[in-house]
Amino acid sequence: VQLVESGGGSVQPGGSLRLSCATSQYRRYAMAWFRQAPGKERERVACIGSDAEIVYADSVKGRFTISQDTAKNLYLQMNSLKLEDTATYYCASTRPAGYCGSTAFVFWGQGTQVTVTS
Protein backbone atom coordinates (compact mmCIF):
# COMPACT_ATOMS: atom_id res chain seq x y z
CA VAL A 1 0.00 0.00 0.00
CA GLN A 2 1.40 3.36 -1.00
CA LEU A 3 0.26 6.55 0.67
CA VAL A 4 1.32 9.98 -0.61
CA GLU A 5 0.27 13.13 1.21
CA SER A 6 0.00 16.60 -0.27
CA GLY A 7 -1.58 19.95 0.53
CA GLY A 8 0.48 21.13 3.47
CA GLY A 9 1.74 24.65 3.74
CA SER A 10 1.85 27.80 5.82
CA VAL A 11 -1.29 29.62 6.88
CA GLN A 12 -2.34 32.28 9.37
CA PRO A 13 -4.45 31.48 12.42
CA GLY A 14 -8.07 31.13 11.44
CA GLY A 15 -7.17 29.99 7.95
CA SER A 16 -7.89 26.73 6.16
CA LEU A 17 -5.96 23.98 4.42
CA ARG A 18 -6.99 20.75 2.74
CA LEU A 19 -4.71 17.74 2.93
CA SER A 20 -4.91 14.90 0.44
CA CYS A 21 -3.61 11.34 0.63
CA ALA A 22 -3.38 9.39 -2.59
CA THR A 23 -3.51 5.66 -2.08
CA SER A 24 -2.84 2.62 -4.21
CA GLN A 25 -5.21 0.40 -2.27
CA TYR A 26 -8.52 -0.78 -3.63
CA ARG A 27 -10.00 -2.65 -0.70
CA ARG A 28 -11.67 -1.16 2.34
CA TYR A 29 -9.21 -0.22 5.09
CA ALA A 30 -9.37 2.03 8.09
CA MET A 31 -7.47 5.21 7.26
CA ALA A 32 -6.47 8.07 9.46
CA TRP A 33 -4.59 11.32 9.76
CA PHE A 34 -1.96 11.60 12.47
CA ARG A 35 0.22 14.54 13.37
CA GLN A 36 3.41 15.06 15.28
CA ALA A 37 4.90 18.33 16.43
CA PRO A 38 8.55 18.64 17.51
CA GLY A 39 9.02 17.35 21.03
CA LYS A 40 5.47 15.99 21.23
CA GLU A 41 3.95 12.54 20.90
CA ARG A 42 2.20 11.51 17.73
CA GLU A 43 -1.53 12.20 17.90
CA ARG A 44 -4.29 10.66 15.85
CA VAL A 45 -6.35 13.53 14.50
CA ALA A 46 -9.13 11.78 12.61
CA CYS A 47 -10.00 8.30 11.46
CA ILE A 48 -12.46 6.68 9.08
CA GLY A 49 -12.96 2.98 9.54
CA SER A 50 -13.67 0.22 7.03
CA ASP A 51 -17.20 0.34 8.46
CA ALA A 52 -17.35 4.10 7.72
CA GLU A 53 -17.17 5.03 11.40
CA ILE A 54 -15.55 8.46 11.82
CA VAL A 55 -13.64 9.44 14.93
CA TYR A 56 -12.02 12.79 15.72
CA ALA A 57 -9.61 13.89 18.41
CA ASP A 58 -11.23 16.32 20.82
CA SER A 59 -8.68 18.95 19.85
CA VAL A 60 -10.01 19.15 16.27
CA LYS A 61 -13.73 18.40 16.61
CA GLY A 62 -15.83 20.96 14.80
CA ARG A 63 -12.84 22.30 12.88
CA PHE A 64 -11.47 19.36 10.87
CA THR A 65 -13.37 17.06 8.52
CA ILE A 66 -12.07 13.72 7.26
CA SER A 67 -13.44 12.28 4.04
CA GLN A 68 -12.73 9.63 1.45
CA ASP A 69 -13.58 9.39 -2.21
CA THR A 70 -14.65 6.34 -4.19
CA ALA A 71 -11.03 5.65 -5.15
CA LYS A 72 -10.16 5.38 -1.42
CA ASN A 73 -8.12 8.59 -1.47
CA LEU A 74 -8.24 10.36 1.89
CA TYR A 75 -8.75 14.03 2.67
CA LEU A 76 -8.59 16.30 5.69
CA GLN A 77 -10.30 19.67 5.52
CA MET A 78 -8.84 21.86 8.24
CA ASN A 79 -10.67 25.07 9.15
CA SER A 80 -10.16 27.63 11.91
CA LEU A 81 -6.54 26.60 12.21
CA LYS A 82 -4.70 27.40 15.42
CA LEU A 83 -1.04 27.84 16.22
CA GLU A 84 -1.11 24.51 18.04
CA ASP A 85 -2.14 22.71 14.85
CA THR A 86 1.39 23.18 13.54
CA ALA A 87 2.87 19.72 12.93
CA THR A 88 3.83 17.18 10.33
CA TYR A 89 0.68 15.40 9.23
CA TYR A 90 0.76 11.76 8.20
CA CYS A 91 -1.72 9.60 6.37
CA ALA A 92 -1.90 6.04 7.65
CA SER A 93 -3.81 2.85 6.92
CA THR A 94 -4.56 -0.45 8.56
CA ARG A 95 -4.60 -3.82 6.83
CA PRO A 96 -7.91 -4.71 5.12
CA ALA A 97 -11.12 -4.47 7.13
CA GLY A 98 -9.55 -2.42 9.91
CA TYR A 99 -11.38 -0.35 12.48
CA CYS A 100 -10.54 2.96 14.13
CA GLY A 101 -10.77 1.63 17.66
CA SER A 102 -9.00 -1.68 17.44
CA THR A 103 -6.66 -2.10 14.50
CA ALA A 104 -3.02 -1.10 14.18
CA PHE A 105 -1.99 1.37 11.50
CA VAL A 106 0.81 -0.29 9.60
CA PHE A 107 1.12 1.70 6.37
CA TRP A 108 2.36 5.29 6.50
CA GLY A 109 2.96 8.16 4.15
CA GLN A 110 6.01 10.40 4.24
CA GLY A 111 4.20 13.31 5.87
CA THR A 112 3.33 16.86 4.91
CA GLN A 113 4.16 19.95 6.97
CA VAL A 114 1.44 22.26 8.21
CA THR A 115 2.58 25.50 9.78
CA VAL A 116 0.18 27.95 11.37
CA THR A 117 1.92 31.24 12.01
CA SER A 118 1.01 34.86 12.45
C-alpha atoms as a PDB file:
ATOM      1  CA  VAL A   1       0.000   0.000   0.000  1.00  0.00           C
ATOM      2  CA  GLN A   2       1.395   3.363  -1.002  1.00  0.00           C
ATOM      3  CA  LEU A   3       0.265   6.553   0.668  1.00  0.00           C
ATOM      4  CA  VAL A   4       1.315   9.979  -0.613  1.00  0.00           C
ATOM      5  CA  GLU A   5       0.268  13.127   1.210  1.00  0.00           C
ATOM      6  CA  SER A   6      -0.004  16.604  -0.273  1.00  0.00           C
ATOM      7  CA  GLY A   7      -1.579  19.951   0.534  1.00  0.00           C
ATOM      8  CA  GLY A   8       0.475  21.127   3.470  1.00  0.00           C
ATOM      9  CA  GLY A   9       1.735  24.653   3.744  1.00  0.00           C
ATOM     10  CA  SER A  10       1.854  27.800   5.824  1.00  0.00           C
ATOM     11  CA  VAL A  11      -1.290  29.621   6.882  1.00  0.00           C
ATOM     12  CA  GLN A  12      -2.336  32.279   9.366  1.00  0.00           C
ATOM     13  CA  PRO A  13      -4.446  31.476  12.417  1.00  0.00           C
ATOM     14  CA  GLY A  14      -8.074  31.132  11.440  1.00  0.00           C
ATOM     15  CA  GLY A  15      -7.166  29.987   7.947  1.00  0.00           C
ATOM     16  CA  SER A  16      -7.887  26.735   6.162  1.00  0.00           C
ATOM     17  CA  LEU A  17      -5.959  23.978   4.424  1.00  0.00           C
ATOM     18  CA  ARG A  18      -6.988  20.752   2.741  1.00  0.00           C
ATOM     19  CA  LEU A  19      -4.710  17.743   2.925  1.00  0.00           C
ATOM     20  CA  SER A  20      -4.910  14.900   0.444  1.00  0.00           C
ATOM     21  CA  CYS A  21      -3.612  11.344   0.630  1.00  0.00           C
ATOM     22  CA  ALA A  22      -3.376   9.395  -2.590  1.00  0.00           C
ATOM     23  CA  THR A  23      -3.515   5.657  -2.077  1.00  0.00           C
ATOM     24  CA  SER A  24      -2.843   2.617  -4.206  1.00  0.00           C
ATOM     25  CA  GLN A  25      -5.211   0.397  -2.270  1.00  0.00           C
ATOM     26  CA  TYR A  26      -8.517  -0.782  -3.628  1.00  0.00           C
ATOM     27  CA  ARG A  27     -10.003  -2.645  -0.703  1.00  0.00           C
ATOM     28  CA  ARG A  28     -11.670  -1.156   2.337  1.00  0.00           C
ATOM     29  CA  TYR A  29      -9.215  -0.225   5.089  1.00  0.00           C
ATOM     30  CA  ALA A  30      -9.374   2.034   8.092  1.00  0.00           C
ATOM     31  CA  MET A  31      -7.470   5.213   7.255  1.00  0.00           C
ATOM     32  CA  ALA A  32      -6.466   8.074   9.462  1.00  0.00           C
ATOM     33  CA  TRP A  33      -4.590  11.316   9.762  1.00  0.00           C
ATOM     34  CA  PHE A  34      -1.963  11.601  12.469  1.00  0.00           C
ATOM     35  CA  ARG A  35       0.216  14.540  13.372  1.00  0.00           C
ATOM     36  CA  GLN A  36       3.410  15.064  15.283  1.00  0.00           C
ATOM     37  CA  ALA A  37       4.901  18.331  16.430  1.00  0.00           C
ATOM     38  CA  PRO A  38       8.547  18.642  17.513  1.00  0.00           C
ATOM     39  CA  GLY A  39       9.021  17.347  21.029  1.00  0.00           C
ATOM     40  CA  LYS A  40       5.471  15.988  21.225  1.00  0.00           C
ATOM     41  CA  GLU A  41       3.948  12.539  20.897  1.00  0.00           C
ATOM     42  CA  ARG A  42       2.201  11.515  17.730  1.00  0.00           C
ATOM     43  CA  GLU A  43      -1.528  12.203  17.900  1.00  0.00           C
ATOM     44  CA  ARG A  44      -4.290  10.662  15.846  1.00  0.00           C
ATOM     45  CA  VAL A  45      -6.350  13.525  14.495  1.00  0.00           C
ATOM     46  CA  ALA A  46      -9.132  11.778  12.615  1.00  0.00           C
ATOM     47  CA  CYS A  47     -10.002   8.298  11.458  1.00  0.00           C
ATOM     48  CA  ILE A  48     -12.462   6.682   9.080  1.00  0.00           C
ATOM     49  CA  GLY A  49     -12.959   2.976   9.543  1.00  0.00           C
ATOM     50  CA  SER A  50     -13.667   0.224   7.030  1.00  0.00           C
ATOM     51  CA  ASP A  51     -17.197   0.340   8.464  1.00  0.00           C
ATOM     52  CA  ALA A  52     -17.352   4.099   7.718  1.00  0.00           C
ATOM     53  CA  GLU A  53     -17.173   5.027  11.401  1.00  0.00           C
ATOM     54  CA  ILE A  54     -15.552   8.459  11.821  1.00  0.00           C
ATOM     55  CA  VAL A  55     -13.636   9.444  14.930  1.00  0.00           C
ATOM     56  CA  TYR A  56     -12.022  12.790  15.722  1.00  0.00           C
ATOM     57  CA  ALA A  57      -9.605  13.887  18.409  1.00  0.00           C
ATOM     58  CA  ASP A  58     -11.230  16.323  20.822  1.00  0.00           C
ATOM     59  CA  SER A  59      -8.675  18.947  19.847  1.00  0.00           C
ATOM     60  CA  VAL A  60     -10.011  19.154  16.275  1.00  0.00           C
ATOM     61  CA  LYS A  61     -13.727  18.396  16.608  1.00  0.00           C
ATOM     62  CA  GLY A  62     -15.830  20.957  14.805  1.00  0.00           C
ATOM     63  CA  ARG A  63     -12.838  22.299  12.881  1.00  0.00           C
ATOM     64  CA  PHE A  64     -11.473  19.361  10.874  1.00  0.00           C
ATOM     65  CA  THR A  65     -13.368  17.059   8.525  1.00  0.00           C
ATOM     66  CA  ILE A  66     -12.073  13.720   7.259  1.00  0.00           C
ATOM     67  CA  SER A  67     -13.445  12.283   4.043  1.00  0.00           C
ATOM     68  CA  GLN A  68     -12.733   9.632   1.447  1.00  0.00           C
ATOM     69  CA  ASP A  69     -13.585   9.393  -2.215  1.00  0.00           C
ATOM     70  CA  THR A  70     -14.646   6.340  -4.191  1.00  0.00           C
ATOM     71  CA  ALA A  71     -11.030   5.649  -5.148  1.00  0.00           C
ATOM     72  CA  LYS A  72     -10.164   5.382  -1.418  1.00  0.00           C
ATOM     73  CA  ASN A  73      -8.117   8.594  -1.469  1.00  0.00           C
ATOM     74  CA  LEU A  74      -8.243  10.359   1.886  1.00  0.00           C
ATOM     75  CA  TYR A  75      -8.751  14.031   2.666  1.00  0.00           C
ATOM     76  CA  LEU A  76      -8.594  16.299   5.695  1.00  0.00           C
ATOM     77  CA  GLN A  77     -10.296  19.671   5.522  1.00  0.00           C
ATOM     78  CA  MET A  78      -8.838  21.856   8.240  1.00  0.00           C
ATOM     79  CA  ASN A  79     -10.667  25.073   9.149  1.00  0.00           C
ATOM     80  CA  SER A  80     -10.156  27.631  11.905  1.00  0.00           C
ATOM     81  CA  LEU A  81      -6.536  26.598  12.212  1.00  0.00           C
ATOM     82  CA  LYS A  82      -4.698  27.403  15.415  1.00  0.00           C
ATOM     83  CA  LEU A  83      -1.035  27.841  16.224  1.00  0.00           C
ATOM     84  CA  GLU A  84      -1.106  24.512  18.044  1.00  0.00           C
ATOM     85  CA  ASP A  85      -2.141  22.711  14.847  1.00  0.00           C
ATOM     86  CA  THR A  86       1.391  23.175  13.545  1.00  0.00           C
ATOM     87  CA  ALA A  87       2.869  19.724  12.926  1.00  0.00           C
ATOM     88  CA  THR A  88       3.833  17.177  10.326  1.00  0.00           C
ATOM     89  CA  TYR A  89       0.678  15.403   9.227  1.00  0.00           C
ATOM     90  CA  TYR A  90       0.765  11.758   8.200  1.00  0.00           C
ATOM     91  CA  CYS A  91      -1.721   9.599   6.374  1.00  0.00           C
ATOM     92  CA  ALA A  92      -1.904   6.037   7.648  1.00  0.00           C
ATOM     93  CA  SER A  93      -3.806   2.854   6.921  1.00  0.00           C
ATOM     94  CA  THR A  94      -4.564  -0.453   8.557  1.00  0.00           C
ATOM     95  CA  ARG A  95      -4.601  -3.816   6.830  1.00  0.00           C
ATOM     96  CA  PRO A  96      -7.905  -4.707   5.117  1.00  0.00           C
ATOM     97  CA  ALA A  97     -11.118  -4.467   7.131  1.00  0.00           C
ATOM     98  CA  GLY A  98      -9.553  -2.422   9.914  1.00  0.00           C
ATOM     99  CA  TYR A  99     -11.382  -0.353  12.479  1.00  0.00           C
ATOM    100  CA  CYS A 100     -10.538   2.957  14.135  1.00  0.00           C
ATOM    101  CA  GLY A 101     -10.771   1.631  17.661  1.00  0.00           C
ATOM    102  CA  SER A 102      -8.996  -1.681  17.438  1.00  0.00           C
ATOM    103  CA  THR A 103      -6.656  -2.102  14.503  1.00  0.00           C
ATOM    104  CA  ALA A 104      -3.021  -1.099  14.181  1.00  0.00           C
ATOM    105  CA  PHE A 105      -1.988   1.366  11.502  1.00  0.00           C
ATOM    106  CA  VAL A 106       0.814  -0.286   9.600  1.00  0.00           C
ATOM    107  CA  PHE A 107       1.125   1.700   6.371  1.00  0.00           C
ATOM    108  CA  TRP A 108       2.359   5.294   6.497  1.00  0.00           C
ATOM    109  CA  GLY A 109       2.958   8.163   4.147  1.00  0.00           C
ATOM    110  CA  GLN A 110       6.011  10.404   4.236  1.00  0.00           C
ATOM    111  CA  GLY A 111       4.196  13.312   5.867  1.00  0.00           C
ATOM    112  CA  THR A 112       3.333  16.860   4.907  1.00  0.00           C
ATOM    113  CA  GLN A 113       4.157  19.945   6.969  1.00  0.00           C
ATOM    114  CA  VAL A 114       1.437  22.263   8.210  1.00  0.00           C
ATOM    115  CA  THR A 115       2.576  25.504   9.783  1.00  0.00           C
ATOM    116  CA  VAL A 116       0.178  27.951  11.366  1.00  0.00           C
ATOM    117  CA  THR A 117       1.921  31.235  12.015  1.00  0.00           C
ATOM    118  CA  SER A 118       1.014  34.855  12.453  1.00  0.00           C
END
